C-alpha cells in the first residue's frame, strides 16, 4: 500500500504534463489542417513529359 503514495502523485503529474502539452498544441494551431494531407496524397505532382 505504501507504493500508492508514490504512484498517485506520479500519475497525476504525468497526466498534467500531457494536458499541458495538448493545450500547447491547440494554442499553436497544430490541428488546423486536418484534411490537407489526405487531399494532398491524391494529387499527381509528377510532371513527366
Protein backbone atom coordinates (compact mmCIF):
# COMPACT_ATOMS: atom_id res chain seq x y z
CA UNK A 1 0.00 0.00 0.00
CA UNK A 2 2.93 2.34 0.51
CA UNK A 3 3.66 2.28 -3.21
CA UNK A 4 0.41 4.18 -3.81
CA UNK A 5 1.94 7.16 -2.06
CA UNK A 6 4.42 7.31 -4.94
CA UNK A 7 2.28 6.13 -7.85
CA UNK A 8 -0.67 8.50 -7.42
CA UNK A 9 1.41 11.74 -7.50
CA UNK A 10 3.47 10.38 -10.41
CA UNK A 11 0.29 9.54 -12.36
CA UNK A 12 -1.21 12.96 -11.64
CA UNK A 13 2.00 14.70 -12.68
CA UNK A 14 2.22 12.79 -15.96
CA UNK A 15 -1.45 13.48 -16.67
CA UNK A 16 -0.90 17.19 -16.03
CA UNK A 17 2.12 17.22 -18.34
CA UNK A 18 0.04 15.55 -21.06
CA UNK A 19 -2.75 18.07 -20.61
CA UNK A 20 -0.31 20.98 -20.79
CA UNK A 21 1.24 19.55 -23.98
CA UNK A 22 -2.21 19.15 -25.54
CA UNK A 23 -3.22 22.70 -24.63
CA UNK A 24 0.07 24.00 -26.07
CA UNK A 25 -0.62 22.14 -29.32
CA UNK A 26 -4.11 23.65 -29.52
CA UNK A 27 -2.77 27.14 -28.83
CA UNK A 28 -0.11 26.85 -31.55
CA UNK A 29 -2.61 25.69 -34.21
CA UNK A 30 -1.20 22.18 -34.59
CA UNK A 31 -4.62 20.79 -35.52
CA UNK A 32 -5.80 23.35 -38.09
CA UNK A 33 -5.35 21.48 -41.37
CA UNK A 34 -6.93 18.10 -40.69
CA UNK A 35 -7.74 17.26 -44.34
CA UNK A 36 -4.79 18.81 -46.16
CA UNK A 37 -2.58 15.74 -46.11
CA UNK A 38 -5.49 13.48 -47.01
CA UNK A 39 -6.18 15.51 -50.15
CA UNK A 40 -2.53 16.15 -50.95
CA UNK A 41 -1.80 12.44 -51.31
CA UNK A 42 -4.37 12.23 -54.12
CA UNK A 43 -2.74 14.99 -56.20
CA UNK A 44 -0.43 13.95 -59.01
CA UNK A 45 2.69 16.07 -58.67
CA UNK A 46 4.77 14.16 -61.20
CA UNK A 47 5.16 16.30 -64.32
CA UNK A 48 6.64 13.75 -66.70
CA UNK A 49 6.60 14.80 -70.34
